[in-house]
Amino acid sequence: KELAFGRGDFPEDFVFGAAASSYQIEGRRFGGCGLSHWDTFAATPGNTVRFEDGATACDHYHRWEEDLDLMRGANLDCYRFSISWARVLPEGRGAPNVAGLDFYDRLVDGMLERGLKPFATLYHWDLPVALADLGGWRNRDIAQWFADYADLAMKRLGDRVASAATINEPWCVSWLSHFH
């Protein structure tokens, strides 16, 4: 049965948007992105069908313009994208990846050009493997590593994003990924 709802059926300030996870959409093999713990997970026998991974994903890294055009064509108000920590800091800390930061600059500017509000998520379950190897979220030093990464990303993009979230679904990160 077809739904017969339109924008007028929602409150005037309701925000319509799309959301994505960097690992699932961008393609890790492009633009100097470092490995994330998902790459390690996908390479482990039995974890994914046919060892599928996010190396190419949907190739949003190269197709972002047409992806944003689709969102504009769908009359959306915003795009909730995630910033890949491994794309910004391939080793999780240390020297930033200029190509990665430039990608997010283009992406945010492209949203603004199309009238889409950029909603950024700093961590969407995409931890650089170098930090995972040091204990990841179980290592107390990660608070400072995350603060340094967040500071770098927001100094570059924060003047243009409408909203920023620190961690996507923190319950899943803490409870499902570590406790359970």
N, C-alpha and C. Protein backbone atom coordinates (compact mmCIF):
# COMPACT_ATOMS: atom_id res chain seq x y z
N LYS A 1 0.84 -1.17 0.00
CA LYS A 1 0.00 0.00 0.00
C LYS A 1 0.89 1.24 0.00
N GLU A 2 0.55 2.20 -0.79
CA GLU A 2 1.31 3.43 -0.91
C GLU A 2 0.99 4.39 0.23
N LEU A 3 2.03 4.97 0.82
CA LEU A 3 1.83 5.95 1.87
C LEU A 3 1.42 7.28 1.25
N ALA A 4 0.49 7.93 1.88
CA ALA A 4 -0.02 9.19 1.34
C ALA A 4 0.37 10.37 2.23
N PHE A 5 1.62 10.37 2.69
CA PHE A 5 2.10 11.45 3.53
C PHE A 5 2.91 12.43 2.70
N GLY A 6 2.85 13.68 3.05
CA GLY A 6 3.68 14.70 2.43
C GLY A 6 4.31 15.54 3.51
N ARG A 7 5.14 16.49 3.13
CA ARG A 7 5.80 17.37 4.10
C ARG A 7 4.80 18.09 4.99
N GLY A 8 3.66 18.42 4.45
CA GLY A 8 2.65 19.13 5.22
C GLY A 8 2.07 18.34 6.37
N ASP A 9 2.30 17.03 6.36
CA ASP A 9 1.81 16.17 7.44
C ASP A 9 2.75 16.16 8.64
N PHE A 10 3.88 16.80 8.52
CA PHE A 10 4.88 16.83 9.58
C PHE A 10 4.96 18.25 10.15
N PRO A 11 5.47 18.39 11.37
CA PRO A 11 5.63 19.73 11.93
C PRO A 11 6.51 20.59 11.01
N GLU A 12 6.29 21.87 11.03
CA GLU A 12 6.99 22.79 10.13
C GLU A 12 8.51 22.72 10.30
N ASP A 13 8.98 22.47 11.52
CA ASP A 13 10.42 22.43 11.76
C ASP A 13 11.03 21.03 11.66
N PHE A 14 10.25 20.05 11.18
CA PHE A 14 10.75 18.69 11.01
C PHE A 14 11.85 18.69 9.96
N VAL A 15 12.95 18.00 10.23
CA VAL A 15 14.09 17.96 9.32
C VAL A 15 14.14 16.61 8.63
N PHE A 16 14.09 16.63 7.30
CA PHE A 16 14.19 15.42 6.50
C PHE A 16 15.63 15.27 6.03
N GLY A 17 16.18 14.08 6.18
CA GLY A 17 17.56 13.91 5.77
C GLY A 17 17.94 12.48 5.48
N ALA A 18 19.18 12.31 5.10
CA ALA A 18 19.78 11.00 4.86
C ALA A 18 21.00 10.89 5.77
N ALA A 19 21.41 9.66 6.03
CA ALA A 19 22.57 9.44 6.89
C ALA A 19 23.42 8.31 6.33
N ALA A 20 24.72 8.38 6.60
CA ALA A 20 25.63 7.34 6.13
C ALA A 20 26.79 7.19 7.10
N SER A 21 27.45 6.06 7.01
CA SER A 21 28.66 5.77 7.77
C SER A 21 29.84 5.82 6.81
N SER A 22 30.90 6.49 7.19
CA SER A 22 32.05 6.66 6.29
C SER A 22 32.58 5.31 5.79
N TYR A 23 32.75 4.35 6.68
CA TYR A 23 33.31 3.06 6.25
C TYR A 23 32.40 2.37 5.24
N GLN A 24 31.12 2.49 5.41
CA GLN A 24 30.17 1.80 4.55
C GLN A 24 29.97 2.48 3.21
N ILE A 25 30.41 3.72 3.06
CA ILE A 25 30.06 4.45 1.85
C ILE A 25 31.26 5.03 1.09
N GLU A 26 32.29 5.50 1.79
CA GLU A 26 33.35 6.25 1.13
C GLU A 26 34.29 5.43 0.27
N GLY A 27 34.79 4.35 0.78
CA GLY A 27 35.84 3.58 0.12
C GLY A 27 37.17 3.93 0.75
N ARG A 28 37.70 3.00 1.52
CA ARG A 28 38.92 3.23 2.27
C ARG A 28 40.16 3.33 1.39
N ARG A 29 40.17 2.68 0.23
CA ARG A 29 41.39 2.63 -0.57
C ARG A 29 41.74 3.95 -1.23
N PHE A 30 40.91 4.95 -1.10
CA PHE A 30 41.11 6.22 -1.78
C PHE A 30 41.55 7.33 -0.82
N GLY A 31 42.31 8.27 -1.33
CA GLY A 31 42.61 9.50 -0.61
C GLY A 31 43.45 9.38 0.64
N GLY A 32 44.31 8.37 0.71
CA GLY A 32 45.22 8.27 1.84
C GLY A 32 44.61 7.79 3.14
N CYS A 33 43.45 7.18 3.08
CA CYS A 33 42.78 6.69 4.29
C CYS A 33 43.58 5.53 4.89
N GLY A 34 43.74 5.56 6.19
CA GLY A 34 44.40 4.46 6.88
C GLY A 34 43.43 3.31 7.13
N LEU A 35 43.95 2.22 7.63
CA LEU A 35 43.12 1.06 7.95
C LEU A 35 42.33 1.31 9.22
N SER A 36 41.13 0.76 9.27
CA SER A 36 40.32 0.82 10.49
C SER A 36 40.12 -0.59 11.02
N HIS A 37 39.59 -0.67 12.22
CA HIS A 37 39.36 -2.00 12.81
C HIS A 37 38.36 -2.81 11.99
N TRP A 38 37.54 -2.15 11.17
CA TRP A 38 36.62 -2.89 10.29
C TRP A 38 37.38 -3.62 9.19
N ASP A 39 38.51 -3.06 8.75
CA ASP A 39 39.32 -3.75 7.75
C ASP A 39 39.86 -5.05 8.32
N THR A 40 40.33 -4.99 9.57
CA THR A 40 40.82 -6.19 10.25
C THR A 40 39.68 -7.20 10.43
N PHE A 41 38.52 -6.69 10.85
CA PHE A 41 37.36 -7.56 11.05
C PHE A 41 36.98 -8.25 9.74
N ALA A 42 36.90 -7.49 8.64
CA ALA A 42 36.49 -8.05 7.36
C ALA A 42 37.50 -9.06 6.81
N ALA A 43 38.76 -8.91 7.17
CA ALA A 43 39.80 -9.83 6.69
C ALA A 43 39.87 -11.12 7.49
N THR A 44 39.13 -11.20 8.59
CA THR A 44 39.14 -12.39 9.43
C THR A 44 38.16 -13.41 8.86
N PRO A 45 38.63 -14.63 8.54
CA PRO A 45 37.76 -15.64 7.96
C PRO A 45 36.48 -15.85 8.78
N GLY A 46 35.37 -15.88 8.06
CA GLY A 46 34.07 -16.14 8.68
C GLY A 46 33.30 -14.92 9.12
N ASN A 47 33.93 -13.75 9.11
CA ASN A 47 33.24 -12.55 9.60
C ASN A 47 32.35 -11.89 8.55
N THR A 48 32.72 -11.95 7.30
CA THR A 48 31.89 -11.36 6.24
C THR A 48 31.76 -12.35 5.09
N VAL A 49 30.70 -12.23 4.35
CA VAL A 49 30.48 -13.07 3.18
C VAL A 49 31.51 -12.70 2.12
N ARG A 50 32.18 -13.69 1.57
CA ARG A 50 33.17 -13.49 0.51
C ARG A 50 34.27 -12.49 0.88
N PHE A 51 34.54 -12.30 2.16
CA PHE A 51 35.55 -11.35 2.63
C PHE A 51 35.27 -9.93 2.15
N GLU A 52 33.99 -9.60 1.96
CA GLU A 52 33.65 -8.25 1.50
C GLU A 52 34.05 -7.23 2.55
N ASP A 53 34.50 -6.07 2.06
CA ASP A 53 35.00 -5.04 2.96
C ASP A 53 34.62 -3.66 2.43
N GLY A 54 35.13 -2.65 3.09
CA GLY A 54 34.81 -1.28 2.71
C GLY A 54 35.89 -0.61 1.87
N ALA A 55 36.75 -1.39 1.24
CA ALA A 55 37.84 -0.80 0.46
C ALA A 55 37.31 0.10 -0.65
N THR A 56 36.25 -0.32 -1.31
CA THR A 56 35.62 0.51 -2.35
C THR A 56 34.28 1.02 -1.87
N ALA A 57 33.56 0.19 -1.14
CA ALA A 57 32.23 0.54 -0.63
C ALA A 57 31.36 1.07 -1.78
N CYS A 58 30.67 2.18 -1.58
CA CYS A 58 29.83 2.78 -2.62
C CYS A 58 30.61 3.83 -3.43
N ASP A 59 31.87 3.99 -3.13
CA ASP A 59 32.75 4.96 -3.77
C ASP A 59 32.25 6.39 -3.66
N HIS A 60 31.69 6.70 -2.49
CA HIS A 60 31.25 8.06 -2.20
C HIS A 60 32.42 9.04 -2.29
N TYR A 61 33.62 8.56 -2.08
CA TYR A 61 34.81 9.41 -2.16
C TYR A 61 34.88 10.09 -3.53
N HIS A 62 34.54 9.34 -4.59
CA HIS A 62 34.56 9.90 -5.94
C HIS A 62 33.17 10.33 -6.43
N ARG A 63 32.13 9.76 -5.86
CA ARG A 63 30.77 10.00 -6.36
C ARG A 63 29.96 10.95 -5.49
N TRP A 64 30.61 11.65 -4.58
CA TRP A 64 29.90 12.49 -3.61
C TRP A 64 29.01 13.53 -4.28
N GLU A 65 29.44 14.08 -5.41
CA GLU A 65 28.63 15.12 -6.05
C GLU A 65 27.29 14.56 -6.52
N GLU A 66 27.33 13.41 -7.19
CA GLU A 66 26.06 12.83 -7.65
C GLU A 66 25.23 12.32 -6.47
N ASP A 67 25.89 11.86 -5.41
CA ASP A 67 25.15 11.46 -4.21
C ASP A 67 24.42 12.65 -3.60
N LEU A 68 25.12 13.79 -3.51
CA LEU A 68 24.48 14.99 -2.97
C LEU A 68 23.37 15.50 -3.90
N ASP A 69 23.56 15.35 -5.20
CA ASP A 69 22.51 15.73 -6.15
C ASP A 69 21.25 14.89 -5.94
N LEU A 70 21.43 13.60 -5.64
CA LEU A 70 20.28 12.74 -5.35
C LEU A 70 19.55 13.23 -4.10
N MET A 71 20.30 13.64 -3.08
CA MET A 71 19.68 14.14 -1.85
C MET A 71 18.92 15.43 -2.12
N ARG A 72 19.53 16.30 -2.90
CA ARG A 72 18.84 17.55 -3.25
C ARG A 72 17.58 17.23 -4.06
N GLY A 73 17.69 16.30 -5.00
CA GLY A 73 16.55 15.90 -5.82
C GLY A 73 15.43 15.27 -5.01
N ALA A 74 15.79 14.67 -3.89
CA ALA A 74 14.78 14.07 -3.00
C ALA A 74 14.18 15.11 -2.06
N ASN A 75 14.61 16.35 -2.19
CA ASN A 75 14.10 17.46 -1.39
C ASN A 75 14.42 17.29 0.10
N LEU A 76 15.61 16.76 0.38
CA LEU A 76 16.03 16.59 1.76
C LEU A 76 16.58 17.90 2.31
N ASP A 77 16.60 18.00 3.63
CA ASP A 77 17.09 19.20 4.30
C ASP A 77 18.54 19.06 4.75
N CYS A 78 18.97 17.83 5.04
CA CYS A 78 20.30 17.64 5.62
C CYS A 78 20.88 16.29 5.22
N TYR A 79 22.17 16.18 5.46
CA TYR A 79 22.89 14.93 5.26
C TYR A 79 23.75 14.72 6.50
N ARG A 80 23.47 13.65 7.22
CA ARG A 80 24.26 13.29 8.39
C ARG A 80 25.36 12.34 7.91
N PHE A 81 26.56 12.87 7.77
CA PHE A 81 27.70 12.11 7.30
C PHE A 81 28.63 11.84 8.47
N SER A 82 29.46 10.83 8.35
CA SER A 82 30.45 10.61 9.39
C SER A 82 31.83 10.88 8.83
N ILE A 83 32.67 11.37 9.69
CA ILE A 83 34.06 11.66 9.34
C ILE A 83 34.88 10.44 9.76
N SER A 84 35.64 9.91 8.83
CA SER A 84 36.49 8.76 9.13
C SER A 84 37.75 9.22 9.86
N TRP A 85 37.89 8.79 11.10
CA TRP A 85 39.08 9.12 11.88
C TRP A 85 40.32 8.65 11.12
N ALA A 86 40.24 7.46 10.50
CA ALA A 86 41.38 6.91 9.77
C ALA A 86 41.68 7.68 8.48
N ARG A 87 40.70 8.39 7.95
CA ARG A 87 40.95 9.22 6.76
C ARG A 87 41.62 10.53 7.17
N VAL A 88 41.23 11.07 8.30
CA VAL A 88 41.80 12.33 8.79
C VAL A 88 43.19 12.10 9.40
N LEU A 89 43.32 11.05 10.19
CA LEU A 89 44.59 10.69 10.83
C LEU A 89 44.84 9.19 10.57
N PRO A 90 45.50 8.84 9.48
CA PRO A 90 45.65 7.42 9.11
C PRO A 90 46.21 6.52 10.21
N GLU A 91 47.02 7.07 11.10
CA GLU A 91 47.56 6.29 12.22
C GLU A 91 46.80 6.58 13.51
N GLY A 92 45.72 7.34 13.41
CA GLY A 92 44.91 7.66 14.58
C GLY A 92 45.39 8.87 15.34
N ARG A 93 46.63 9.22 15.16
CA ARG A 93 47.25 10.39 15.78
C ARG A 93 48.46 10.73 14.93
N GLY A 94 49.07 11.86 15.21
CA GLY A 94 50.23 12.24 14.42
C GLY A 94 49.87 13.15 13.27
N ALA A 95 50.53 12.95 12.15
CA ALA A 95 50.36 13.82 10.99
C ALA A 95 48.99 13.63 10.33
N PRO A 96 48.27 14.75 10.11
CA PRO A 96 46.98 14.65 9.43
C PRO A 96 47.15 14.34 7.94
N ASN A 97 46.14 13.73 7.38
CA ASN A 97 46.08 13.43 5.96
C ASN A 97 45.38 14.59 5.26
N VAL A 98 46.15 15.42 4.58
CA VAL A 98 45.60 16.61 3.92
C VAL A 98 44.55 16.22 2.89
N ALA A 99 44.79 15.15 2.14
CA ALA A 99 43.82 14.73 1.13
C ALA A 99 42.48 14.35 1.77
N GLY A 100 42.53 13.73 2.93
CA GLY A 100 41.31 13.37 3.64
C GLY A 100 40.55 14.59 4.13
N LEU A 101 41.26 15.54 4.70
CA LEU A 101 40.62 16.78 5.15
C LEU A 101 40.05 17.56 3.96
N ASP A 102 40.78 17.56 2.85
CA ASP A 102 40.28 18.24 1.64
C ASP A 102 39.00 17.59 1.14
N PHE A 103 38.92 16.26 1.22
CA PHE A 103 37.69 15.56 0.82
C PHE A 103 36.50 16.06 1.63
N TYR A 104 36.66 16.14 2.95
CA TYR A 104 35.55 16.60 3.78
C TYR A 104 35.23 18.08 3.55
N ASP A 105 36.23 18.87 3.23
CA ASP A 105 35.96 20.26 2.83
C ASP A 105 35.05 20.30 1.61
N ARG A 106 35.41 19.54 0.58
CA ARG A 106 34.60 19.50 -0.65
C ARG A 106 33.19 18.99 -0.36
N LEU A 107 33.10 17.97 0.47
CA LEU A 107 31.80 17.38 0.80
C LEU A 107 30.91 18.40 1.51
N VAL A 108 31.43 19.06 2.53
CA VAL A 108 30.65 20.04 3.27
C VAL A 108 30.27 21.22 2.37
N ASP A 109 31.24 21.72 1.60
CA ASP A 109 30.92 22.82 0.69
C ASP A 109 29.87 22.40 -0.33
N GLY A 110 29.96 21.16 -0.80
CA GLY A 110 28.97 20.66 -1.75
C GLY A 110 27.57 20.59 -1.16
N MET A 111 27.48 20.22 0.11
CA MET A 111 26.17 20.22 0.78
C MET A 111 25.62 21.63 0.85
N LEU A 112 26.43 22.55 1.27
CA LEU A 112 25.98 23.94 1.40
C LEU A 112 25.55 24.51 0.06
N GLU A 113 26.28 24.20 -1.00
CA GLU A 113 25.92 24.67 -2.34
C GLU A 113 24.56 24.13 -2.79
N ARG A 114 24.18 22.97 -2.27
CA ARG A 114 22.91 22.35 -2.65
C ARG A 114 21.80 22.62 -1.63
N GLY A 115 22.08 23.44 -0.65
CA GLY A 115 21.08 23.77 0.35
C GLY A 115 20.85 22.68 1.38
N LEU A 116 21.81 21.77 1.52
CA LEU A 116 21.71 20.70 2.52
C LEU A 116 22.50 21.11 3.75
N LYS A 117 21.92 20.93 4.92
CA LYS A 117 22.63 21.23 6.16
C LYS A 117 23.57 20.07 6.47
N PRO A 118 24.86 20.35 6.68
CA PRO A 118 25.80 19.29 7.05
C PRO A 118 25.68 18.94 8.53
N PHE A 119 25.37 17.69 8.81
CA PHE A 119 25.33 17.16 10.18
C PHE A 119 26.47 16.14 10.27
N ALA A 120 27.50 16.45 11.02
CA ALA A 120 28.69 15.60 11.09
C ALA A 120 28.64 14.69 12.31
N THR A 121 29.15 13.48 12.15
CA THR A 121 29.39 12.56 13.26
C THR A 121 30.88 12.27 13.28
N LEU A 122 31.51 12.48 14.42
CA LEU A 122 32.95 12.30 14.52
C LEU A 122 33.37 10.84 14.61
N TYR A 123 32.57 10.01 15.25
CA TYR A 123 32.94 8.60 15.39
C TYR A 123 31.73 7.73 15.10
N HIS A 124 31.81 7.00 14.00
CA HIS A 124 30.74 6.07 13.63
C HIS A 124 31.35 4.68 13.48
N TRP A 125 31.86 4.18 14.59
CA TRP A 125 32.40 2.82 14.68
C TRP A 125 33.53 2.58 13.69
N ASP A 126 34.42 3.52 13.54
CA ASP A 126 35.47 3.43 12.52
C ASP A 126 36.80 3.84 13.14
N LEU A 127 37.35 2.98 14.01
CA LEU A 127 38.56 3.29 14.75
C LEU A 127 39.81 2.93 13.94
N PRO A 128 40.77 3.85 13.81
CA PRO A 128 42.01 3.49 13.12
C PRO A 128 42.64 2.25 13.75
N VAL A 129 43.09 1.33 12.91
CA VAL A 129 43.62 0.06 13.40
C VAL A 129 44.83 0.27 14.30
N ALA A 130 45.62 1.32 14.05
CA ALA A 130 46.78 1.59 14.91
C ALA A 130 46.35 1.85 16.35
N LEU A 131 45.19 2.48 16.54
CA LEU A 131 44.69 2.72 17.90
C LEU A 131 44.01 1.47 18.46
N ALA A 132 43.33 0.73 17.60
CA ALA A 132 42.73 -0.53 18.06
C ALA A 132 43.82 -1.46 18.57
N ASP A 133 44.96 -1.47 17.89
CA ASP A 133 46.08 -2.32 18.31
C ASP A 133 46.68 -1.90 19.65
N LEU A 134 46.42 -0.65 20.04
CA LEU A 134 46.89 -0.16 21.34
C LEU A 134 45.83 -0.30 22.44
N GLY A 135 44.77 -1.03 22.13
CA GLY A 135 43.71 -1.26 23.10
C GLY A 135 42.41 -0.53 22.80
N GLY A 136 42.45 0.37 21.81
CA GLY A 136 41.23 1.07 21.41
C GLY A 136 40.56 1.80 22.55
N TRP A 137 39.26 1.65 22.66
CA TRP A 137 38.47 2.35 23.67
C TRP A 137 38.77 1.86 25.09
N ARG A 138 39.48 0.76 25.23
CA ARG A 138 39.86 0.28 26.57
C ARG A 138 41.11 0.97 27.09
N ASN A 139 41.80 1.67 26.22
CA ASN A 139 43.02 2.39 26.59
C ASN A 139 42.62 3.79 27.04
N ARG A 140 42.96 4.16 28.26
CA ARG A 140 42.58 5.48 28.81
C ARG A 140 43.11 6.63 27.97
N ASP A 141 44.22 6.42 27.25
CA ASP A 141 44.79 7.48 26.42
C ASP A 141 43.90 7.87 25.25
N ILE A 142 42.92 7.02 24.95
CA ILE A 142 42.07 7.32 23.80
C ILE A 142 41.27 8.60 23.99
N ALA A 143 41.01 8.97 25.22
CA ALA A 143 40.28 10.23 25.47
C ALA A 143 41.04 11.40 24.85
N GLN A 144 42.35 11.44 25.05
CA GLN A 144 43.16 12.52 24.47
C GLN A 144 43.30 12.36 22.96
N TRP A 145 43.46 11.12 22.50
CA TRP A 145 43.58 10.90 21.05
C TRP A 145 42.31 11.36 20.35
N PHE A 146 41.16 11.03 20.93
CA PHE A 146 39.89 11.45 20.35
C PHE A 146 39.75 12.97 20.40
N ALA A 147 40.13 13.58 21.52
CA ALA A 147 40.05 15.03 21.65
C ALA A 147 40.92 15.71 20.59
N ASP A 148 42.11 15.19 20.34
CA ASP A 148 42.99 15.77 19.32
C ASP A 148 42.37 15.63 17.93
N TYR A 149 41.83 14.46 17.64
CA TYR A 149 41.17 14.22 16.35
C TYR A 149 39.96 15.13 16.19
N ALA A 150 39.11 15.21 17.22
CA ALA A 150 37.91 16.04 17.15
C ALA A 150 38.28 17.51 16.96
N ASP A 151 39.30 17.97 17.65
CA ASP A 151 39.76 19.34 17.53
C ASP A 151 40.22 19.62 16.10
N LEU A 152 41.00 18.74 15.54
CA LEU A 152 41.50 18.89 14.17
C LEU A 152 40.34 18.93 13.17
N ALA A 153 39.42 17.99 13.28
CA ALA A 153 38.29 17.92 12.35
C ALA A 153 37.39 19.15 12.46
N MET A 154 37.09 19.56 13.67
CA MET A 154 36.18 20.70 13.84
C MET A 154 36.84 22.04 13.54
N LYS A 155 38.15 22.15 13.74
CA LYS A 155 38.83 23.38 13.32
C LYS A 155 38.74 23.52 11.81
N ARG A 156 38.74 22.41 11.10
CA ARG A 156 38.68 22.43 9.64
C ARG A 156 37.25 22.60 9.13
N LEU A 157 36.28 21.97 9.77
CA LEU A 157 34.92 21.91 9.23
C LEU A 157 33.87 22.61 10.09
N GLY A 158 34.18 22.86 11.35
CA GLY A 158 33.18 23.31 12.31
C GLY A 158 32.49 24.60 11.98
N ASP A 159 33.13 25.47 11.21
CA ASP A 159 32.50 26.74 10.85
C ASP A 159 31.37 26.57 9.84
N ARG A 160 31.24 25.36 9.27
CA ARG A 160 30.23 25.14 8.23
C ARG A 160 29.23 24.04 8.53
N VAL A 161 29.43 23.28 9.61
CA VAL A 161 28.47 22.23 9.91
C VAL A 161 27.34 22.78 10.78
N ALA A 162 26.14 22.30 10.54
CA ALA A 162 24.96 22.75 11.31
C ALA A 162 24.89 22.04 12.66
N SER A 163 25.46 20.83 12.72
CA SER A 163 25.39 20.02 13.93
C SER A 163 26.55 19.03 13.91
N ALA A 164 27.06 18.72 15.09
CA ALA A 164 28.11 17.72 15.20
C ALA A 164 27.81 16.80 16.37
N ALA A 165 27.90 15.52 16.12
CA ALA A 165 27.73 14.50 17.17
C ALA A 165 29.09 13.87 17.42
N THR A 166 29.37 13.57 18.66
CA THR A 166 30.67 12.98 18.98
C THR A 166 30.72 11.50 18.59
N ILE A 167 29.80 10.69 19.11
CA ILE A 167 29.85 9.25 18.90
C ILE A 167 28.47 8.76 18.46
N ASN A 168 28.42 8.07 17.34
CA ASN A 168 27.18 7.47 16.88
C ASN A 168 26.85 6.26 17.76
N GLU A 169 25.67 6.27 18.33
CA GLU A 169 25.18 5.16 19.16
C GLU A 169 26.21 4.70 20.20
N PRO A 170 26.52 5.56 21.16
CA PRO A 170 27.53 5.18 22.16
C PRO A 170 27.19 3.91 22.92
N TRP A 171 25.91 3.61 23.08
CA TRP A 171 25.52 2.37 23.75
C TRP A 171 26.05 1.16 22.98
N CYS A 172 25.96 1.22 21.66
CA CYS A 172 26.45 0.09 20.85
C CYS A 172 27.97 -0.03 20.93
N VAL A 173 28.65 1.12 20.91
CA VAL A 173 30.11 1.09 21.00
C VAL A 173 30.55 0.51 22.34
N SER A 174 29.94 0.99 23.42
CA SER A 174 30.38 0.56 24.75
C SER A 174 29.83 -0.81 25.13
N TRP A 175 28.53 -1.01 25.00
CA TRP A 175 27.90 -2.21 25.48
C TRP A 175 28.08 -3.40 24.53
N LEU A 176 27.66 -3.23 23.29
CA LEU A 176 27.74 -4.35 22.34
C LEU A 176 29.17 -4.67 21.94
N SER A 177 29.96 -3.64 21.70
CA SER A 177 31.32 -3.88 21.20
C SER A 177 32.30 -4.28 22.28
N HIS A 178 32.11 -3.81 23.50
CA HIS A 178 33.09 -4.09 24.53
C HIS A 178 32.58 -4.93 25.68
N PHE A 179 31.45 -4.60 26.22
CA PHE A 179 30.96 -5.36 27.37
C PHE A 179 30.45 -6.73 26.92
N HIS A 180 29.56 -6.72 25.95
CA HIS A 180 28.93 -7.95 25.50
C HIS A 180 29.93 -8.77 24.71
